Each structure stands twice: as C-alpha cells, then as structure tokens.
Amino acid sequence: MKIGEKLKRLRLSRGLTQEELATRADLTRGFISQLERDLTSPTLESLEMILRALGTNLKEFFSDFEEKKIIYKKSERVPMYDTPEGVKEELLMTDTEVKRIEPMIVELEPMSQTEEENYHEGSEFGYILEGNIELWLDDVKYKAKTGDAFYFKSDKIHYIKNSSKKKKAKILWIEIQ
C-alpha cells in the first residue's frame, strides 16, 4: 500500500475531512489532497504532524505495512497448562499482545470451574458454544446457556462454573485489554 492511500484510509477512519486534517496538522488542504493521491511526498516533519493529528505515530503507521496474520489454524492453538482439574483452555491466536485481545476456548467438565480471577484492567466477552454455565461476578451468579453471550468489565472478581453433573460446557472467551 502506498503512503497516500494509507493516510487517506486513516483519515477517513477518524471521520475527518481533508480540510479538518489540514487544520489540525497546520498544513494546506491542497497538500493533503496531493499527498493522498501520491502526487507528492511528505517531509518527515509534515508526516509526523499529520500522524499526530490522526492520533498515531511513525512507528505505528509503518508497522502496519508488514503482512499481518489473518488465519490461525487449530493446530497452532496454545494450550494453557496451569488450569484447575476438569478445565481445558486453549489460546486461539498467537501474538495477541499487539492486538490487545486474548481469545480462547474454555472447556469445563461437569462440576468444574475456572480459577477465580481478581479484578484487572479491560473487559471480557464470552459466547456459550455448548452447555450451561454460571458466571460469578463479585459473588453474584448469572446463568447462561448455549447460544447466550456475556460481557463485563474486568473490575470484579470473576470465574465460570459448569454446574451440570453430566454435560461438558464449552465457551469462547475473549479478554480485551
């Protein structure tokens, strides 16, 4: 992708017109227009001013030019080994720190539960793939079944329990930083 095209996408994703970006970056609308059409090249100083106005920086802007992984194969999942008995967790993606999310599949055998997690930054999303679960948030129990979803800020002590005596529960769980 060319720099101009990338700048235009970034500007549009921020909901700015060329005029608004030019004003914020202390440049002319004509210069922004020529830059987006790759008719001119920015100086390092003007590029930094534009990126600052767009809420990013040179490192983030140019790191996006490398090819990003799109498909994460089942064979690439990373198992979590320090889980309670009856609980199986697998990370669905690698390099999640860059993405600020950590998606995983959690399988709970009957009558098992995840470890209690203390409050922390971020939020959590889950989708019940199969079974019935109890979601505990600061000693308050919420029930969910296959097809239900949950979302909460991680500022509560939380865990998931499979209260079934016979059926396994399976959850897609995503921690968002």
N, C-alpha and C. Protein backbone atom coordinates (compact mmCIF):
# COMPACT_ATOMS: atom_id res chain seq x y z
N MET A 1 0.84 -1.18 0.00
CA MET A 1 0.00 0.00 0.00
C MET A 1 0.89 1.24 0.00
N LYS A 2 0.47 2.23 -0.74
CA LYS A 2 1.22 3.47 -0.80
C LYS A 2 0.89 4.34 0.40
N ILE A 3 1.80 5.25 0.74
CA ILE A 3 1.63 6.11 1.91
C ILE A 3 0.36 6.96 1.79
N GLY A 4 0.13 7.54 0.62
CA GLY A 4 -1.04 8.40 0.43
C GLY A 4 -2.34 7.66 0.66
N GLU A 5 -2.43 6.46 0.11
CA GLU A 5 -3.64 5.66 0.28
C GLU A 5 -3.85 5.31 1.75
N LYS A 6 -2.77 4.98 2.43
CA LYS A 6 -2.87 4.62 3.84
C LYS A 6 -3.27 5.83 4.68
N LEU A 7 -2.72 6.99 4.38
CA LEU A 7 -3.10 8.21 5.10
C LEU A 7 -4.59 8.52 4.89
N LYS A 8 -5.06 8.35 3.66
CA LYS A 8 -6.47 8.61 3.37
C LYS A 8 -7.36 7.67 4.17
N ARG A 9 -7.02 6.37 4.19
CA ARG A 9 -7.82 5.41 4.96
C ARG A 9 -7.84 5.77 6.45
N LEU A 10 -6.69 6.16 6.96
CA LEU A 10 -6.58 6.54 8.36
C LEU A 10 -7.42 7.79 8.65
N ARG A 11 -7.35 8.77 7.74
CA ARG A 11 -8.14 10.00 7.92
C ARG A 11 -9.63 9.68 7.91
N LEU A 12 -10.06 8.89 6.95
CA LEU A 12 -11.48 8.54 6.85
C LEU A 12 -11.95 7.71 8.04
N SER A 13 -11.08 6.83 8.54
CA SER A 13 -11.45 6.03 9.71
C SER A 13 -11.64 6.90 10.95
N ARG A 14 -11.02 8.07 10.96
CA ARG A 14 -11.16 9.01 12.08
C ARG A 14 -12.31 9.99 11.83
N GLY A 15 -12.95 9.88 10.66
CA GLY A 15 -14.09 10.74 10.36
C GLY A 15 -13.73 12.18 10.06
N LEU A 16 -12.53 12.40 9.53
CA LEU A 16 -12.07 13.76 9.25
C LEU A 16 -12.12 14.05 7.76
N THR A 17 -12.40 15.31 7.44
CA THR A 17 -12.28 15.76 6.05
C THR A 17 -10.82 16.16 5.82
N GLN A 18 -10.46 16.36 4.57
CA GLN A 18 -9.11 16.83 4.27
C GLN A 18 -8.87 18.19 4.92
N GLU A 19 -9.88 19.03 4.89
CA GLU A 19 -9.78 20.36 5.48
C GLU A 19 -9.52 20.28 6.99
N GLU A 20 -10.26 19.40 7.68
CA GLU A 20 -10.08 19.25 9.13
C GLU A 20 -8.69 18.73 9.47
N LEU A 21 -8.22 17.75 8.70
CA LEU A 21 -6.88 17.22 8.94
C LEU A 21 -5.83 18.29 8.68
N ALA A 22 -6.00 19.04 7.60
CA ALA A 22 -5.04 20.10 7.27
C ALA A 22 -4.97 21.13 8.39
N THR A 23 -6.11 21.51 8.93
CA THR A 23 -6.15 22.49 10.02
C THR A 23 -5.43 21.94 11.25
N ARG A 24 -5.73 20.69 11.61
CA ARG A 24 -5.10 20.08 12.79
C ARG A 24 -3.60 19.92 12.63
N ALA A 25 -3.15 19.65 11.41
CA ALA A 25 -1.72 19.42 11.16
C ALA A 25 -0.98 20.69 10.75
N ASP A 26 -1.70 21.80 10.66
CA ASP A 26 -1.12 23.08 10.26
C ASP A 26 -0.51 23.00 8.86
N LEU A 27 -1.28 22.38 7.95
CA LEU A 27 -0.88 22.25 6.54
C LEU A 27 -2.04 22.72 5.67
N THR A 28 -1.87 22.70 4.36
CA THR A 28 -2.97 23.11 3.47
C THR A 28 -3.77 21.89 3.02
N ARG A 29 -5.05 22.14 2.70
CA ARG A 29 -5.90 21.07 2.19
C ARG A 29 -5.35 20.54 0.88
N GLY A 30 -4.81 21.42 0.06
CA GLY A 30 -4.23 21.03 -1.22
C GLY A 30 -3.07 20.05 -1.04
N PHE A 31 -2.23 20.31 -0.04
CA PHE A 31 -1.11 19.41 0.23
C PHE A 31 -1.62 18.04 0.66
N ILE A 32 -2.63 18.01 1.54
CA ILE A 32 -3.21 16.73 2.00
C ILE A 32 -3.79 15.99 0.80
N SER A 33 -4.48 16.70 -0.08
CA SER A 33 -5.08 16.09 -1.26
C SER A 33 -4.00 15.47 -2.16
N GLN A 34 -2.95 16.22 -2.44
CA GLN A 34 -1.86 15.70 -3.28
C GLN A 34 -1.17 14.52 -2.62
N LEU A 35 -1.00 14.59 -1.34
CA LEU A 35 -0.35 13.52 -0.58
C LEU A 35 -1.17 12.23 -0.67
N GLU A 36 -2.48 12.35 -0.48
CA GLU A 36 -3.36 11.17 -0.52
C GLU A 36 -3.41 10.54 -1.91
N ARG A 37 -3.15 11.33 -2.94
CA ARG A 37 -3.15 10.79 -4.31
C ARG A 37 -1.73 10.43 -4.75
N ASP A 38 -0.79 10.45 -3.82
CA ASP A 38 0.62 10.13 -4.08
C ASP A 38 1.22 10.99 -5.18
N LEU A 39 0.79 12.25 -5.26
CA LEU A 39 1.34 13.18 -6.23
C LEU A 39 2.53 13.94 -5.65
N THR A 40 2.67 13.87 -4.33
CA THR A 40 3.80 14.49 -3.66
C THR A 40 4.20 13.61 -2.49
N SER A 41 5.37 13.85 -1.97
CA SER A 41 5.85 13.10 -0.80
C SER A 41 6.00 14.04 0.38
N PRO A 42 5.67 13.55 1.56
CA PRO A 42 5.79 14.42 2.73
C PRO A 42 7.23 14.47 3.24
N THR A 43 7.56 15.54 3.90
CA THR A 43 8.82 15.55 4.64
C THR A 43 8.56 14.75 5.92
N LEU A 44 9.61 14.38 6.59
CA LEU A 44 9.45 13.64 7.84
C LEU A 44 8.67 14.49 8.85
N GLU A 45 8.97 15.78 8.86
CA GLU A 45 8.29 16.69 9.79
C GLU A 45 6.79 16.78 9.48
N SER A 46 6.43 16.95 8.20
CA SER A 46 5.00 17.06 7.87
C SER A 46 4.27 15.74 8.10
N LEU A 47 4.94 14.63 7.85
CA LEU A 47 4.31 13.33 8.09
C LEU A 47 4.06 13.14 9.59
N GLU A 48 5.01 13.53 10.41
CA GLU A 48 4.82 13.43 11.87
C GLU A 48 3.66 14.31 12.33
N MET A 49 3.53 15.51 11.76
CA MET A 49 2.44 16.41 12.12
C MET A 49 1.09 15.81 11.74
N ILE A 50 1.02 15.21 10.55
CA ILE A 50 -0.22 14.59 10.08
C ILE A 50 -0.58 13.40 10.98
N LEU A 51 0.40 12.56 11.27
CA LEU A 51 0.14 11.38 12.09
C LEU A 51 -0.28 11.77 13.51
N ARG A 52 0.33 12.79 14.06
CA ARG A 52 -0.06 13.27 15.39
C ARG A 52 -1.51 13.75 15.35
N ALA A 53 -1.89 14.45 14.29
CA ALA A 53 -3.26 14.93 14.14
C ALA A 53 -4.24 13.77 13.99
N LEU A 54 -3.75 12.63 13.50
CA LEU A 54 -4.59 11.45 13.33
C LEU A 54 -4.54 10.52 14.54
N GLY A 55 -3.79 10.92 15.57
CA GLY A 55 -3.74 10.14 16.79
C GLY A 55 -2.83 8.92 16.74
N THR A 56 -1.78 8.99 15.93
CA THR A 56 -0.85 7.87 15.84
C THR A 56 0.57 8.43 15.71
N ASN A 57 1.52 7.55 15.42
CA ASN A 57 2.90 7.99 15.27
C ASN A 57 3.58 7.21 14.15
N LEU A 58 4.82 7.54 13.87
CA LEU A 58 5.55 6.91 12.76
C LEU A 58 5.67 5.40 12.96
N LYS A 59 6.02 4.98 14.17
CA LYS A 59 6.21 3.55 14.43
C LYS A 59 4.94 2.75 14.14
N GLU A 60 3.81 3.21 14.68
CA GLU A 60 2.55 2.51 14.44
C GLU A 60 2.15 2.57 12.97
N PHE A 61 2.34 3.70 12.35
CA PHE A 61 1.95 3.87 10.96
C PHE A 61 2.71 2.91 10.05
N PHE A 62 4.02 2.82 10.23
CA PHE A 62 4.81 1.97 9.35
C PHE A 62 4.83 0.51 9.76
N SER A 63 4.49 0.20 10.99
CA SER A 63 4.44 -1.21 11.40
C SER A 63 3.30 -1.92 10.70
N ASP A 64 2.32 -1.18 10.27
CA ASP A 64 1.18 -1.77 9.59
C ASP A 64 1.49 -2.22 8.17
N PHE A 65 2.64 -1.83 7.63
CA PHE A 65 2.96 -2.20 6.25
C PHE A 65 3.38 -3.66 6.13
N GLU A 66 3.78 -4.28 7.26
CA GLU A 66 4.15 -5.68 7.18
C GLU A 66 2.88 -6.52 7.11
N GLU A 67 3.00 -7.69 6.49
CA GLU A 67 1.86 -8.58 6.31
C GLU A 67 1.40 -9.11 7.66
N LYS A 68 0.13 -8.99 7.96
CA LYS A 68 -0.43 -9.46 9.22
C LYS A 68 -1.04 -10.84 9.03
N LYS A 69 -0.93 -11.63 10.07
CA LYS A 69 -1.52 -12.96 10.05
C LYS A 69 -3.03 -12.82 10.11
N ILE A 70 -3.73 -13.54 9.26
CA ILE A 70 -5.18 -13.47 9.19
C ILE A 70 -5.83 -14.76 9.71
N ILE A 71 -5.33 -15.90 9.28
CA ILE A 71 -5.90 -17.20 9.66
C ILE A 71 -5.03 -17.84 10.73
N TYR A 72 -5.66 -18.30 11.79
CA TYR A 72 -4.98 -19.01 12.87
C TYR A 72 -5.52 -20.43 12.89
N LYS A 73 -4.70 -21.38 12.51
CA LYS A 73 -5.10 -22.78 12.38
C LYS A 73 -5.32 -23.43 13.75
N LYS A 74 -6.21 -24.41 13.78
CA LYS A 74 -6.48 -25.15 15.00
C LYS A 74 -5.19 -25.78 15.54
N SER A 75 -4.34 -26.23 14.65
CA SER A 75 -3.08 -26.88 15.06
C SER A 75 -2.10 -25.90 15.71
N GLU A 76 -2.35 -24.59 15.58
CA GLU A 76 -1.47 -23.57 16.15
C GLU A 76 -1.92 -23.10 17.53
N ARG A 77 -3.02 -23.63 18.03
CA ARG A 77 -3.53 -23.20 19.33
C ARG A 77 -2.52 -23.51 20.43
N VAL A 78 -2.51 -22.64 21.42
CA VAL A 78 -1.57 -22.79 22.53
C VAL A 78 -2.35 -23.25 23.76
N PRO A 79 -2.07 -24.47 24.26
CA PRO A 79 -2.78 -24.94 25.45
C PRO A 79 -2.28 -24.24 26.70
N MET A 80 -3.17 -24.02 27.65
CA MET A 80 -2.82 -23.45 28.94
C MET A 80 -2.72 -24.63 29.90
N TYR A 81 -1.61 -24.73 30.60
CA TYR A 81 -1.38 -25.91 31.43
C TYR A 81 -1.68 -25.70 32.90
N ASP A 82 -1.79 -24.50 33.37
CA ASP A 82 -2.00 -24.27 34.80
C ASP A 82 -3.47 -24.04 35.14
N THR A 83 -4.34 -24.90 34.62
CA THR A 83 -5.77 -24.76 34.85
C THR A 83 -6.23 -25.77 35.91
N PRO A 84 -7.34 -25.48 36.57
CA PRO A 84 -7.87 -26.42 37.55
C PRO A 84 -8.28 -27.74 36.89
N GLU A 85 -8.38 -28.79 37.69
CA GLU A 85 -8.80 -30.09 37.16
C GLU A 85 -10.18 -29.96 36.53
N GLY A 86 -10.33 -30.56 35.35
CA GLY A 86 -11.60 -30.51 34.63
C GLY A 86 -11.75 -29.30 33.73
N VAL A 87 -10.73 -28.44 33.68
CA VAL A 87 -10.79 -27.24 32.85
C VAL A 87 -9.69 -27.31 31.80
N LYS A 88 -10.05 -27.12 30.54
CA LYS A 88 -9.09 -27.10 29.43
C LYS A 88 -9.23 -25.74 28.75
N GLU A 89 -8.11 -25.02 28.63
CA GLU A 89 -8.11 -23.73 27.96
C GLU A 89 -7.08 -23.74 26.85
N GLU A 90 -7.45 -23.18 25.69
CA GLU A 90 -6.53 -23.04 24.56
C GLU A 90 -6.63 -21.64 24.01
N LEU A 91 -5.48 -20.99 23.86
CA LEU A 91 -5.45 -19.69 23.19
C LEU A 91 -5.70 -19.91 21.71
N LEU A 92 -6.57 -19.12 21.12
CA LEU A 92 -6.92 -19.29 19.71
C LEU A 92 -5.98 -18.57 18.77
N MET A 93 -5.22 -17.60 19.30
CA MET A 93 -4.32 -16.81 18.47
C MET A 93 -3.00 -16.62 19.19
N THR A 94 -1.93 -16.48 18.41
CA THR A 94 -0.65 -16.08 18.96
C THR A 94 -0.51 -14.58 18.77
N ASP A 95 0.54 -14.00 19.23
CA ASP A 95 0.84 -12.56 19.13
C ASP A 95 -0.35 -11.67 19.49
N THR A 96 -1.06 -12.02 20.56
CA THR A 96 -2.26 -11.26 20.94
C THR A 96 -1.93 -9.97 21.66
N GLU A 97 -0.72 -9.82 22.19
CA GLU A 97 -0.38 -8.59 22.90
C GLU A 97 -0.48 -7.38 21.99
N VAL A 98 -0.12 -7.56 20.72
CA VAL A 98 -0.21 -6.47 19.76
C VAL A 98 -1.68 -6.11 19.51
N LYS A 99 -2.53 -7.12 19.54
CA LYS A 99 -3.93 -6.92 19.22
C LYS A 99 -4.77 -6.50 20.42
N ARG A 100 -4.23 -6.63 21.63
CA ARG A 100 -4.91 -6.28 22.87
C ARG A 100 -6.14 -7.13 23.15
N ILE A 101 -6.19 -8.33 22.59
CA ILE A 101 -7.24 -9.28 22.93
C ILE A 101 -6.61 -10.64 23.13
N GLU A 102 -7.29 -11.46 23.90
CA GLU A 102 -6.80 -12.81 24.12
C GLU A 102 -7.99 -13.77 24.03
N PRO A 103 -8.27 -14.26 22.82
CA PRO A 103 -9.40 -15.18 22.66
C PRO A 103 -8.98 -16.62 22.98
N MET A 104 -9.86 -17.34 23.64
CA MET A 104 -9.56 -18.73 23.96
C MET A 104 -10.84 -19.55 23.99
N ILE A 105 -10.65 -20.85 23.86
CA ILE A 105 -11.73 -21.81 24.04
C ILE A 105 -11.56 -22.40 25.43
N VAL A 106 -12.62 -22.38 26.23
CA VAL A 106 -12.58 -22.95 27.57
C VAL A 106 -13.57 -24.10 27.61
N GLU A 107 -13.08 -25.28 27.98
CA GLU A 107 -13.94 -26.45 28.14
C GLU A 107 -13.97 -26.81 29.61
N LEU A 108 -15.18 -26.96 30.14
CA LEU A 108 -15.37 -27.29 31.55
C LEU A 108 -16.05 -28.65 31.66
N GLU A 109 -15.39 -29.58 32.30
CA GLU A 109 -16.01 -30.87 32.59
C GLU A 109 -17.14 -30.62 33.60
N PRO A 110 -18.07 -31.58 33.73
CA PRO A 110 -19.15 -31.41 34.71
C PRO A 110 -18.61 -31.07 36.10
N MET A 111 -19.25 -30.12 36.76
CA MET A 111 -18.96 -29.69 38.13
C MET A 111 -17.57 -29.06 38.30
N SER A 112 -16.95 -28.59 37.23
CA SER A 112 -15.64 -27.92 37.35
C SER A 112 -15.81 -26.42 37.15
N GLN A 113 -14.76 -25.68 37.50
CA GLN A 113 -14.82 -24.23 37.35
C GLN A 113 -13.43 -23.68 37.08
N THR A 114 -13.39 -22.50 36.45
CA THR A 114 -12.12 -21.83 36.22
C THR A 114 -11.62 -21.27 37.55
N GLU A 115 -10.37 -20.87 37.59
CA GLU A 115 -9.85 -20.23 38.80
C GLU A 115 -10.50 -18.86 38.95
N GLU A 116 -10.64 -18.44 40.19
CA GLU A 116 -11.14 -17.09 40.46
C GLU A 116 -10.09 -16.10 39.97
N GLU A 117 -10.53 -15.15 39.17
CA GLU A 117 -9.61 -14.13 38.68
C GLU A 117 -9.89 -12.83 39.41
N ASN A 118 -8.86 -12.20 39.91
CA ASN A 118 -9.02 -10.90 40.56
C ASN A 118 -9.35 -9.85 39.53
N TYR A 119 -9.84 -8.71 40.00
CA TYR A 119 -10.14 -7.61 39.09
C TYR A 119 -8.85 -7.11 38.44
N HIS A 120 -8.99 -6.65 37.23
CA HIS A 120 -7.87 -6.14 36.45
C HIS A 120 -8.42 -5.20 35.39
N GLU A 121 -7.53 -4.59 34.64
CA GLU A 121 -7.96 -3.69 33.56
C GLU A 121 -8.59 -4.48 32.44
N GLY A 122 -9.43 -3.82 31.66
CA GLY A 122 -10.00 -4.43 30.47
C GLY A 122 -11.43 -4.90 30.68
N SER A 123 -11.86 -5.75 29.77
CA SER A 123 -13.21 -6.31 29.83
C SER A 123 -13.16 -7.72 29.26
N GLU A 124 -14.27 -8.43 29.40
CA GLU A 124 -14.32 -9.83 28.99
C GLU A 124 -15.62 -10.07 28.23
N PHE A 125 -15.51 -10.90 27.21
CA PHE A 125 -16.66 -11.29 26.40
C PHE A 125 -16.66 -12.80 26.31
N GLY A 126 -17.83 -13.39 26.36
CA GLY A 126 -17.93 -14.83 26.20
C GLY A 126 -19.16 -15.22 25.41
N TYR A 127 -19.05 -16.35 24.75
CA TYR A 127 -20.17 -16.93 23.99
C TYR A 127 -20.22 -18.40 24.34
N ILE A 128 -21.38 -18.86 24.80
CA ILE A 128 -21.53 -20.25 25.23
C ILE A 128 -21.77 -21.11 23.99
N LEU A 129 -20.76 -21.92 23.65
CA LEU A 129 -20.85 -22.80 22.48
C LEU A 129 -21.68 -24.04 22.77
N GLU A 130 -21.55 -24.57 24.00
CA GLU A 130 -22.38 -25.70 24.40
C GLU A 130 -22.45 -25.78 25.92
N GLY A 131 -23.58 -26.26 26.41
CA GLY A 131 -23.76 -26.44 27.84
C GLY A 131 -24.37 -25.24 28.53
N ASN A 132 -24.44 -25.36 29.85
CA ASN A 132 -24.97 -24.30 30.71
C ASN A 132 -23.90 -23.93 31.72
N ILE A 133 -23.73 -22.65 31.95
CA ILE A 133 -22.70 -22.21 32.89
C ILE A 133 -23.27 -21.22 33.89
N GLU A 134 -22.51 -21.03 34.95
CA GLU A 134 -22.75 -19.96 35.89
C GLU A 134 -21.57 -19.01 35.79
N LEU A 135 -21.84 -17.75 35.60
CA LEU A 135 -20.81 -16.71 35.59
C LEU A 135 -20.92 -16.00 36.93
N TRP A 136 -19.83 -16.00 37.69
CA TRP A 136 -19.81 -15.37 39.00
C TRP A 136 -19.02 -14.07 38.93
N LEU A 137 -19.66 -12.96 39.31
CA LEU A 137 -19.03 -11.65 39.36
C LEU A 137 -19.24 -11.07 40.75
N ASP A 138 -18.16 -10.97 41.53
CA ASP A 138 -18.25 -10.46 42.90
C ASP A 138 -19.39 -11.13 43.68
N ASP A 139 -19.41 -12.43 43.71
CA ASP A 139 -20.39 -13.22 44.47
C ASP A 139 -21.82 -13.13 43.95
N VAL A 140 -22.02 -12.60 42.76
CA VAL A 140 -23.34 -12.58 42.13
C VAL A 140 -23.31 -13.59 41.00
N LYS A 141 -24.29 -14.49 40.97
CA LYS A 141 -24.34 -15.55 39.97
C LYS A 141 -25.26 -15.17 38.81
N TYR A 142 -24.75 -15.37 37.60
CA TYR A 142 -25.52 -15.19 36.38
C TYR A 142 -25.53 -16.51 35.64
N LYS A 143 -26.68 -16.92 35.14
CA LYS A 143 -26.78 -18.19 34.41
C LYS A 143 -26.82 -17.92 32.91
N ALA A 144 -26.14 -18.78 32.16
CA ALA A 144 -26.14 -18.66 30.69
C ALA A 144 -26.14 -20.06 30.10
N LYS A 145 -26.73 -20.17 28.92
CA LYS A 145 -26.80 -21.48 28.25
C LYS A 145 -26.35 -21.35 26.80
N THR A 146 -26.29 -22.47 26.12
CA THR A 146 -25.84 -22.50 24.73
C THR A 146 -26.49 -21.38 23.92
N GLY A 147 -25.66 -20.61 23.22
CA GLY A 147 -26.15 -19.51 22.39
C GLY A 147 -26.18 -18.17 23.08
N ASP A 148 -26.07 -18.16 24.41
CA ASP A 148 -26.04 -16.89 25.15
C ASP A 148 -24.63 -16.31 25.09
N ALA A 149 -24.55 -15.03 25.34
CA ALA A 149 -23.25 -14.35 25.38
C ALA A 149 -23.20 -13.52 26.66
N PHE A 150 -22.00 -13.17 27.07
CA PHE A 150 -21.84 -12.28 28.22
C PHE A 150 -20.74 -11.28 27.95
N TYR A 151 -20.80 -10.15 28.66
CA TYR A 151 -19.80 -9.11 28.56
C TYR A 151 -19.76 -8.39 29.90
N PHE A 152 -18.56 -8.14 30.42
CA PHE A 152 -18.44 -7.38 31.66
C PHE A 152 -17.07 -6.74 31.73
N LYS A 153 -16.98 -5.65 32.50
CA LYS A 153 -15.69 -5.03 32.78
C LYS A 153 -14.98 -5.91 33.79
N SER A 154 -13.67 -6.01 33.65
CA SER A 154 -12.90 -6.94 34.49
C SER A 154 -12.60 -6.38 35.88
N ASP A 155 -13.41 -5.43 36.33
CA ASP A 155 -13.17 -4.81 37.63
C ASP A 155 -13.90 -5.55 38.76
N LYS A 156 -14.22 -6.83 38.53
CA LYS A 156 -14.88 -7.67 39.51
C LYS A 156 -14.11 -8.99 39.63
N ILE A 157 -14.16 -9.62 40.79
CA ILE A 157 -13.62 -10.97 40.91
C ILE A 157 -14.56 -11.87 40.11
N HIS A 158 -14.00 -12.71 39.25
CA HIS A 158 -14.85 -13.48 38.34
C HIS A 158 -14.33 -14.88 38.07
N TYR A 159 -15.28 -15.78 37.80
CA TYR A 159 -14.98 -17.14 37.36
C TYR A 159 -16.22 -17.73 36.72
N ILE A 160 -16.01 -18.84 36.03
CA ILE A 160 -17.11 -19.55 35.37
C ILE A 160 -17.18 -20.95 35.94
N LYS A 161 -18.39 -21.41 36.17
CA LYS A 161 -18.60 -22.74 36.73
C LYS A 161 -19.57 -23.52 35.86
N ASN A 162 -19.27 -24.80 35.64
CA ASN A 162 -20.21 -25.71 34.99
C ASN A 162 -20.89 -26.48 36.11
N SER A 163 -22.14 -26.16 36.37
CA SER A 163 -22.85 -26.80 37.49
C SER A 163 -23.54 -28.09 37.07
N SER A 164 -23.45 -28.46 35.80
CA SER A 164 -24.05 -29.71 35.34
C SER A 164 -23.28 -30.91 35.89
N LYS A 165 -24.00 -31.95 36.24
CA LYS A 165 -23.37 -33.17 36.74
C LYS A 165 -23.05 -34.14 35.62
N LYS A 166 -23.55 -33.86 34.39
CA LYS A 166 -23.37 -34.81 33.29
C LYS A 166 -22.76 -34.23 32.03
N LYS A 167 -23.05 -32.97 31.71
CA LYS A 167 -22.65 -32.41 30.42
C LYS A 167 -21.47 -31.45 30.55
N LYS A 168 -20.61 -31.51 29.54
CA LYS A 168 -19.48 -30.59 29.44
C LYS A 168 -20.00 -29.23 28.95
N ALA A 169 -19.30 -28.16 29.29
CA ALA A 169 -19.61 -26.82 28.78
C ALA A 169 -18.41 -26.32 27.99
N LYS A 170 -18.67 -25.58 26.93
CA LYS A 170 -17.62 -25.05 26.07
C LYS A 170 -17.93 -23.59 25.79
N ILE A 171 -16.93 -22.72 26.04
CA ILE A 171 -17.13 -21.28 25.93
C ILE A 171 -16.04 -20.65 25.07
N LEU A 172 -16.41 -19.76 24.19
CA LEU A 172 -15.46 -18.88 23.52
C LEU A 172 -15.32 -17.68 24.44
N TRP A 173 -14.12 -17.46 24.97
CA TRP A 173 -13.89 -16.40 25.96
C TRP A 173 -12.84 -15.45 25.43
N ILE A 174 -13.13 -14.17 25.41
CA ILE A 174 -12.19 -13.18 24.88
C ILE A 174 -11.93 -12.12 25.94
N GLU A 175 -10.66 -12.01 26.35
CA GLU A 175 -10.25 -10.93 27.24
C GLU A 175 -9.77 -9.78 26.37
N ILE A 176 -10.26 -8.58 26.68
CA ILE A 176 -9.94 -7.40 25.89
C ILE A 176 -9.20 -6.41 26.78
N GLN A 177 -7.99 -6.02 26.38
CA GLN A 177 -7.20 -5.11 27.21
C GLN A 177 -7.59 -3.68 26.99
